[in-house]
Structures are given as structure tokens and as C-alpha cells.
ModelCIF file with pLDDT and N, C-alpha, C, O atoms, coordinates in Angstrom:
data_MODEL
#
_entry.id   MODEL 
#
_entity.id                         1 
_entity.type                       polymer 
_entity.pdbx_number_of_molecules   1 
#
_entity_poly.entity_id                      1 
_entity_poly.type                           'polypeptide(L)' 
_entity_poly.nstd_linkage                   no 
_entity_poly.nstd_monomer                   no 
_entity_poly.pdbx_seq_one_letter_code       GEHELSREFAVARDTVRRALRVLQDERLIA 
_entity_poly.pdbx_seq_one_letter_code_can   GEHELSREFAVARDTVRRALRVLQDERLIA 
_entity_poly.pdbx_strand_id                 A 
#
loop_
_entity_poly_seq.entity_id 
_entity_poly_seq.num 
_entity_poly_seq.mon_id 
_entity_poly_seq.hetero 
1 1  GLY n 
1 2  GLU n 
1 3  HIS n 
1 4  GLU n 
1 5  LEU n 
1 6  SER n 
1 7  ARG n 
1 8  GLU n 
1 9  PHE n 
1 10 ALA n 
1 11 VAL n 
1 12 ALA n 
1 13 ARG n 
1 14 ASP n 
1 15 THR n 
1 16 VAL n 
1 17 ARG n 
1 18 ARG n 
1 19 ALA n 
1 20 LEU n 
1 21 ARG n 
1 22 VAL n 
1 23 LEU n 
1 24 GLN n 
1 25 ASP n 
1 26 GLU n 
1 27 ARG n 
1 28 LEU n 
1 29 ILE n 
1 30 ALA n 
#
_struct_asym.id          A 
_struct_asym.entity_id   1 
#
loop_
_ma_qa_metric.id 
_ma_qa_metric.mode 
_ma_qa_metric.name 
_ma_qa_metric.software_group_id 
_ma_qa_metric.type 
1 global pLDDT . pLDDT 
2 local  pLDDT . pLDDT 
#
_ma_qa_metric_global.metric_id      1 
_ma_qa_metric_global.metric_value   91.60 
_ma_qa_metric_global.model_id       1 
_ma_qa_metric_global.ordinal_id     1 
#
loop_
_ma_qa_metric_local.label_asym_id 
_ma_qa_metric_local.label_comp_id 
_ma_qa_metric_local.label_seq_id 
_ma_qa_metric_local.metric_id 
_ma_qa_metric_local.metric_value 
_ma_qa_metric_local.model_id 
_ma_qa_metric_local.ordinal_id 
A GLY 1  2 93.00 1 1  
A GLU 2  2 94.00 1 2  
A HIS 3  2 95.00 1 3  
A GLU 4  2 95.00 1 4  
A LEU 5  2 96.00 1 5  
A SER 6  2 95.00 1 6  
A ARG 7  2 96.00 1 7  
A GLU 8  2 95.00 1 8  
A PHE 9  2 94.00 1 9  
A ALA 10 2 94.00 1 10 
A VAL 11 2 94.00 1 11 
A ALA 12 2 94.00 1 12 
A ARG 13 2 94.00 1 13 
A ASP 14 2 94.00 1 14 
A THR 15 2 93.00 1 15 
A VAL 16 2 95.00 1 16 
A ARG 17 2 94.00 1 17 
A ARG 18 2 92.00 1 18 
A ALA 19 2 92.00 1 19 
A LEU 20 2 94.00 1 20 
A ARG 21 2 90.00 1 21 
A VAL 22 2 87.00 1 22 
A LEU 23 2 89.00 1 23 
A GLN 24 2 86.00 1 24 
A ASP 25 2 82.00 1 25 
A GLU 26 2 80.00 1 26 
A ARG 27 2 83.00 1 27 
A LEU 28 2 87.00 1 28 
A ILE 29 2 91.00 1 29 
A ALA 30 2 90.00 1 30 
#
loop_
_atom_site.group_PDB 
_atom_site.id 
_atom_site.type_symbol 
_atom_site.label_atom_id 
_atom_site.label_alt_id 
_atom_site.label_comp_id 
_atom_site.label_asym_id 
_atom_site.label_entity_id 
_atom_site.label_seq_id 
_atom_site.pdbx_PDB_ins_code 
_atom_site.Cartn_x 
_atom_site.Cartn_y 
_atom_site.Cartn_z 
_atom_site.occupancy 
_atom_site.B_iso_or_equiv 
_atom_site.pdbx_formal_charge 
_atom_site.auth_seq_id 
_atom_site.auth_comp_id 
_atom_site.auth_asym_id 
_atom_site.auth_atom_id 
_atom_site.pdbx_PDB_model_num 
ATOM 1   N N  . GLY A 1 1  ? 71.251 188.624 -48.405 1.00 93.00 ? 1  GLY A N  1 
ATOM 2   C CA . GLY A 1 1  ? 70.790 188.849 -47.033 1.00 93.00 ? 1  GLY A CA 1 
ATOM 3   C C  . GLY A 1 1  ? 69.792 189.995 -46.930 1.00 93.00 ? 1  GLY A C  1 
ATOM 4   O O  . GLY A 1 1  ? 69.618 190.775 -47.866 1.00 93.00 ? 1  GLY A O  1 
ATOM 5   N N  . GLU A 1 2  ? 69.148 190.078 -45.783 1.00 94.00 ? 2  GLU A N  1 
ATOM 6   C CA . GLU A 1 2  ? 68.147 191.119 -45.533 1.00 94.00 ? 2  GLU A CA 1 
ATOM 7   C C  . GLU A 1 2  ? 68.718 192.516 -45.714 1.00 94.00 ? 2  GLU A C  1 
ATOM 8   O O  . GLU A 1 2  ? 68.082 193.389 -46.306 1.00 94.00 ? 2  GLU A O  1 
ATOM 9   N N  . HIS A 1 3  ? 69.925 192.717 -45.199 1.00 95.00 ? 3  HIS A N  1 
ATOM 10  C CA . HIS A 1 3  ? 70.532 194.043 -45.280 1.00 95.00 ? 3  HIS A CA 1 
ATOM 11  C C  . HIS A 1 3  ? 70.731 194.458 -46.735 1.00 95.00 ? 3  HIS A C  1 
ATOM 12  O O  . HIS A 1 3  ? 70.395 195.577 -47.122 1.00 95.00 ? 3  HIS A O  1 
ATOM 13  N N  . GLU A 1 4  ? 71.277 193.552 -47.532 1.00 95.00 ? 4  GLU A N  1 
ATOM 14  C CA . GLU A 1 4  ? 71.506 193.845 -48.955 1.00 95.00 ? 4  GLU A CA 1 
ATOM 15  C C  . GLU A 1 4  ? 70.196 194.124 -49.688 1.00 95.00 ? 4  GLU A C  1 
ATOM 16  O O  . GLU A 1 4  ? 70.112 195.057 -50.487 1.00 95.00 ? 4  GLU A O  1 
ATOM 17  N N  . LEU A 1 5  ? 69.178 193.313 -49.414 1.00 96.00 ? 5  LEU A N  1 
ATOM 18  C CA . LEU A 1 5  ? 67.885 193.510 -50.076 1.00 96.00 ? 5  LEU A CA 1 
ATOM 19  C C  . LEU A 1 5  ? 67.212 194.805 -49.621 1.00 96.00 ? 5  LEU A C  1 
ATOM 20  O O  . LEU A 1 5  ? 66.591 195.496 -50.429 1.00 96.00 ? 5  LEU A O  1 
ATOM 21  N N  . SER A 1 6  ? 67.330 195.134 -48.345 1.00 95.00 ? 6  SER A N  1 
ATOM 22  C CA . SER A 1 6  ? 66.721 196.378 -47.865 1.00 95.00 ? 6  SER A CA 1 
ATOM 23  C C  . SER A 1 6  ? 67.392 197.589 -48.494 1.00 95.00 ? 6  SER A C  1 
ATOM 24  O O  . SER A 1 6  ? 66.741 198.598 -48.762 1.00 95.00 ? 6  SER A O  1 
ATOM 25  N N  . ARG A 1 7  ? 68.693 197.486 -48.729 1.00 96.00 ? 7  ARG A N  1 
ATOM 26  C CA . ARG A 1 7  ? 69.405 198.569 -49.425 1.00 96.00 ? 7  ARG A CA 1 
ATOM 27  C C  . ARG A 1 7  ? 68.946 198.656 -50.880 1.00 96.00 ? 7  ARG A C  1 
ATOM 28  O O  . ARG A 1 7  ? 68.675 199.744 -51.387 1.00 96.00 ? 7  ARG A O  1 
ATOM 29  N N  . GLU A 1 8  ? 68.861 197.502 -51.548 1.00 95.00 ? 8  GLU A N  1 
ATOM 30  C CA . GLU A 1 8  ? 68.463 197.486 -52.960 1.00 95.00 ? 8  GLU A CA 1 
ATOM 31  C C  . GLU A 1 8  ? 67.075 198.085 -53.168 1.00 95.00 ? 8  GLU A C  1 
ATOM 32  O O  . GLU A 1 8  ? 66.871 198.876 -54.090 1.00 95.00 ? 8  GLU A O  1 
ATOM 33  N N  . PHE A 1 9  ? 66.118 197.711 -52.314 1.00 94.00 ? 9  PHE A N  1 
ATOM 34  C CA . PHE A 1 9  ? 64.749 198.163 -52.491 1.00 94.00 ? 9  PHE A CA 1 
ATOM 35  C C  . PHE A 1 9  ? 64.444 199.448 -51.726 1.00 94.00 ? 9  PHE A C  1 
ATOM 36  O O  . PHE A 1 9  ? 63.336 199.976 -51.809 1.00 94.00 ? 9  PHE A O  1 
ATOM 37  N N  . ALA A 1 10 ? 65.419 199.944 -50.989 1.00 94.00 ? 10 ALA A N  1 
ATOM 38  C CA . ALA A 1 10 ? 65.279 201.186 -50.217 1.00 94.00 ? 10 ALA A CA 1 
ATOM 39  C C  . ALA A 1 10 ? 64.093 201.120 -49.255 1.00 94.00 ? 10 ALA A C  1 
ATOM 40  O O  . ALA A 1 10 ? 63.264 202.029 -49.197 1.00 94.00 ? 10 ALA A O  1 
ATOM 41  N N  . VAL A 1 11 ? 64.036 200.018 -48.502 1.00 94.00 ? 11 VAL A N  1 
ATOM 42  C CA . VAL A 1 11 ? 62.995 199.823 -47.497 1.00 94.00 ? 11 VAL A CA 1 
ATOM 43  C C  . VAL A 1 11 ? 63.632 199.317 -46.212 1.00 94.00 ? 11 VAL A C  1 
ATOM 44  O O  . VAL A 1 11 ? 64.808 198.953 -46.188 1.00 94.00 ? 11 VAL A O  1 
ATOM 45  N N  . ALA A 1 12 ? 62.853 199.301 -45.162 1.00 94.00 ? 12 ALA A N  1 
ATOM 46  C CA . ALA A 1 12 ? 63.333 198.791 -43.875 1.00 94.00 ? 12 ALA A CA 1 
ATOM 47  C C  . ALA A 1 12 ? 63.497 197.268 -43.936 1.00 94.00 ? 12 ALA A C  1 
ATOM 48  O O  . ALA A 1 12 ? 62.842 196.594 -44.730 1.00 94.00 ? 12 ALA A O  1 
ATOM 49  N N  . ARG A 1 13 ? 64.368 196.748 -43.096 1.00 94.00 ? 13 ARG A N  1 
ATOM 50  C CA . ARG A 1 13 ? 64.603 195.298 -43.080 1.00 94.00 ? 13 ARG A CA 1 
ATOM 51  C C  . ARG A 1 13 ? 63.337 194.530 -42.742 1.00 94.00 ? 13 ARG A C  1 
ATOM 52  O O  . ARG A 1 13 ? 63.142 193.415 -43.226 1.00 94.00 ? 13 ARG A O  1 
ATOM 53  N N  . ASP A 1 14 ? 62.473 195.114 -41.915 1.00 94.00 ? 14 ASP A N  1 
ATOM 54  C CA . ASP A 1 14 ? 61.227 194.444 -41.569 1.00 94.00 ? 14 ASP A CA 1 
ATOM 55  C C  . ASP A 1 14 ? 60.354 194.247 -42.815 1.00 94.00 ? 14 ASP A C  1 
ATOM 56  O O  . ASP A 1 14 ? 59.670 193.230 -42.933 1.00 94.00 ? 14 ASP A O  1 
ATOM 57  N N  . THR A 1 15 ? 60.374 195.199 -43.732 1.00 93.00 ? 15 THR A N  1 
ATOM 58  C CA . THR A 1 15 ? 59.615 195.069 -44.977 1.00 93.00 ? 15 THR A CA 1 
ATOM 59  C C  . THR A 1 15 ? 60.180 193.926 -45.812 1.00 93.00 ? 15 THR A C  1 
ATOM 60  O O  . THR A 1 15 ? 59.428 193.152 -46.404 1.00 93.00 ? 15 THR A O  1 
ATOM 61  N N  . VAL A 1 16 ? 61.499 193.824 -45.858 1.00 95.00 ? 16 VAL A N  1 
ATOM 62  C CA . VAL A 1 16 ? 62.140 192.724 -46.579 1.00 95.00 ? 16 VAL A CA 1 
ATOM 63  C C  . VAL A 1 16 ? 61.792 191.399 -45.912 1.00 95.00 ? 16 VAL A C  1 
ATOM 64  O O  . VAL A 1 16 ? 61.515 190.414 -46.597 1.00 95.00 ? 16 VAL A O  1 
ATOM 65  N N  . ARG A 1 17 ? 61.804 191.366 -44.585 1.00 94.00 ? 17 ARG A N  1 
ATOM 66  C CA . ARG A 1 17 ? 61.454 190.135 -43.859 1.00 94.00 ? 17 ARG A CA 1 
ATOM 67  C C  . ARG A 1 17 ? 60.035 189.674 -44.204 1.00 94.00 ? 17 ARG A C  1 
ATOM 68  O O  . ARG A 1 17 ? 59.785 188.482 -44.380 1.00 94.00 ? 17 ARG A O  1 
ATOM 69  N N  . ARG A 1 18 ? 59.109 190.639 -44.299 1.00 92.00 ? 18 ARG A N  1 
ATOM 70  C CA . ARG A 1 18 ? 57.722 190.288 -44.651 1.00 92.00 ? 18 ARG A CA 1 
ATOM 71  C C  . ARG A 1 18 ? 57.670 189.689 -46.052 1.00 92.00 ? 18 ARG A C  1 
ATOM 72  O O  . ARG A 1 18 ? 56.953 188.716 -46.282 1.00 92.00 ? 18 ARG A O  1 
ATOM 73  N N  . ALA A 1 19 ? 58.418 190.258 -46.984 1.00 92.00 ? 19 ALA A N  1 
ATOM 74  C CA . ALA A 1 19 ? 58.449 189.732 -48.358 1.00 92.00 ? 19 ALA A CA 1 
ATOM 75  C C  . ALA A 1 19 ? 59.024 188.321 -48.374 1.00 92.00 ? 19 ALA A C  1 
ATOM 76  O O  . ALA A 1 19 ? 58.496 187.428 -49.037 1.00 92.00 ? 19 ALA A O  1 
ATOM 77  N N  . LEU A 1 20 ? 60.104 188.137 -47.641 1.00 94.00 ? 20 LEU A N  1 
ATOM 78  C CA . LEU A 1 20 ? 60.736 186.817 -47.582 1.00 94.00 ? 20 LEU A CA 1 
ATOM 79  C C  . LEU A 1 20 ? 59.814 185.801 -46.904 1.00 94.00 ? 20 LEU A C  1 
ATOM 80  O O  . LEU A 1 20 ? 59.809 184.622 -47.259 1.00 94.00 ? 20 LEU A O  1 
ATOM 81  N N  . ARG A 1 21 ? 59.046 186.263 -45.941 1.00 90.00 ? 21 ARG A N  1 
ATOM 82  C CA . ARG A 1 21 ? 58.098 185.373 -45.253 1.00 90.00 ? 21 ARG A CA 1 
ATOM 83  C C  . ARG A 1 21 ? 57.022 184.880 -46.233 1.00 90.00 ? 21 ARG A C  1 
ATOM 84  O O  . ARG A 1 21 ? 56.593 183.728 -46.164 1.00 90.00 ? 21 ARG A O  1 
ATOM 85  N N  . VAL A 1 22 ? 56.596 185.759 -47.141 1.00 87.00 ? 22 VAL A N  1 
ATOM 86  C CA . VAL A 1 22 ? 55.615 185.362 -48.160 1.00 87.00 ? 22 VAL A CA 1 
ATOM 87  C C  . VAL A 1 22 ? 56.187 184.219 -48.994 1.00 87.00 ? 22 VAL A C  1 
ATOM 88  O O  . VAL A 1 22 ? 55.514 183.216 -49.231 1.00 87.00 ? 22 VAL A O  1 
ATOM 89  N N  . LEU A 1 23 ? 57.435 184.377 -49.438 1.00 89.00 ? 23 LEU A N  1 
ATOM 90  C CA . LEU A 1 23 ? 58.068 183.339 -50.259 1.00 89.00 ? 23 LEU A CA 1 
ATOM 91  C C  . LEU A 1 23 ? 58.280 182.051 -49.463 1.00 89.00 ? 23 LEU A C  1 
ATOM 92  O O  . LEU A 1 23 ? 58.180 180.949 -50.002 1.00 89.00 ? 23 LEU A O  1 
ATOM 93  N N  . GLN A 1 24 ? 58.572 182.207 -48.182 1.00 86.00 ? 24 GLN A N  1 
ATOM 94  C CA . GLN A 1 24 ? 58.741 181.031 -47.324 1.00 86.00 ? 24 GLN A CA 1 
ATOM 95  C C  . GLN A 1 24 ? 57.405 180.324 -47.141 1.00 86.00 ? 24 GLN A C  1 
ATOM 96  O O  . GLN A 1 24 ? 57.355 179.095 -47.166 1.00 86.00 ? 24 GLN A O  1 
ATOM 97  N N  . ASP A 1 25 ? 56.316 181.078 -46.958 1.00 82.00 ? 25 ASP A N  1 
ATOM 98  C CA . ASP A 1 25 ? 54.983 180.487 -46.815 1.00 82.00 ? 25 ASP A CA 1 
ATOM 99  C C  . ASP A 1 25 ? 54.562 179.770 -48.094 1.00 82.00 ? 25 ASP A C  1 
ATOM 100 O O  . ASP A 1 25 ? 53.820 178.789 -48.044 1.00 82.00 ? 25 ASP A O  1 
ATOM 101 N N  . GLU A 1 26 ? 55.031 180.258 -49.231 1.00 80.00 ? 26 GLU A N  1 
ATOM 102 C CA . GLU A 1 26 ? 54.737 179.621 -50.519 1.00 80.00 ? 26 GLU A CA 1 
ATOM 103 C C  . GLU A 1 26 ? 55.653 178.431 -50.781 1.00 80.00 ? 26 GLU A C  1 
ATOM 104 O O  . GLU A 1 26 ? 55.537 177.758 -51.805 1.00 80.00 ? 26 GLU A O  1 
ATOM 105 N N  . ARG A 1 27 ? 56.565 178.179 -49.843 1.00 83.00 ? 27 ARG A N  1 
ATOM 106 C CA . ARG A 1 27 ? 57.558 177.099 -49.948 1.00 83.00 ? 27 ARG A CA 1 
ATOM 107 C C  . ARG A 1 27 ? 58.482 177.282 -51.152 1.00 83.00 ? 27 ARG A C  1 
ATOM 108 O O  . ARG A 1 27 ? 58.981 176.314 -51.726 1.00 83.00 ? 27 ARG A O  1 
ATOM 109 N N  . LEU A 1 28 ? 58.694 178.537 -51.514 1.00 87.00 ? 28 LEU A N  1 
ATOM 110 C CA . LEU A 1 28 ? 59.606 178.855 -52.601 1.00 87.00 ? 28 LEU A CA 1 
ATOM 111 C C  . LEU A 1 28 ? 61.037 178.951 -52.066 1.00 87.00 ? 28 LEU A C  1 
ATOM 112 O O  . LEU A 1 28 ? 61.998 178.645 -52.771 1.00 87.00 ? 28 LEU A O  1 
ATOM 113 N N  . ILE A 1 29 ? 61.159 179.382 -50.805 1.00 91.00 ? 29 ILE A N  1 
ATOM 114 C CA . ILE A 1 29 ? 62.473 179.451 -50.153 1.00 91.00 ? 29 ILE A CA 1 
ATOM 115 C C  . ILE A 1 29 ? 62.388 178.779 -48.792 1.00 91.00 ? 29 ILE A C  1 
ATOM 116 O O  . ILE A 1 29 ? 61.305 178.589 -48.239 1.00 91.00 ? 29 ILE A O  1 
ATOM 117 N N  . ALA A 1 30 ? 63.558 178.422 -48.263 1.00 90.00 ? 30 ALA A N  1 
ATOM 118 C CA . ALA A 1 30 ? 63.631 177.823 -46.928 1.00 90.00 ? 30 ALA A CA 1 
ATOM 119 C C  . ALA A 1 30 ? 64.749 178.509 -46.151 1.00 90.00 ? 30 ALA A C  1 
ATOM 120 O O  . ALA A 1 30 ? 64.997 178.167 -44.995 1.00 90.00 ? 30 ALA A O  1 
#
């Protein structure tokens, strides 16, 4: 989840959301 990833990378959840959006735009995740 976003919370777990934001903790792992020590960034805000919005930063994680942007990263996940990139992968979603690449159709790597849904």
C-alpha cells in the first residue's frame, strides 16, 4: 500500500502516488 511504500522510501504519500501513476500509465499495474 501507499503508506507502506511511503515509509520504505521516506517520502510523502503523494510522491508514492505519482510513482504508482507512472506504472499505471505504462499499464504495468492496475
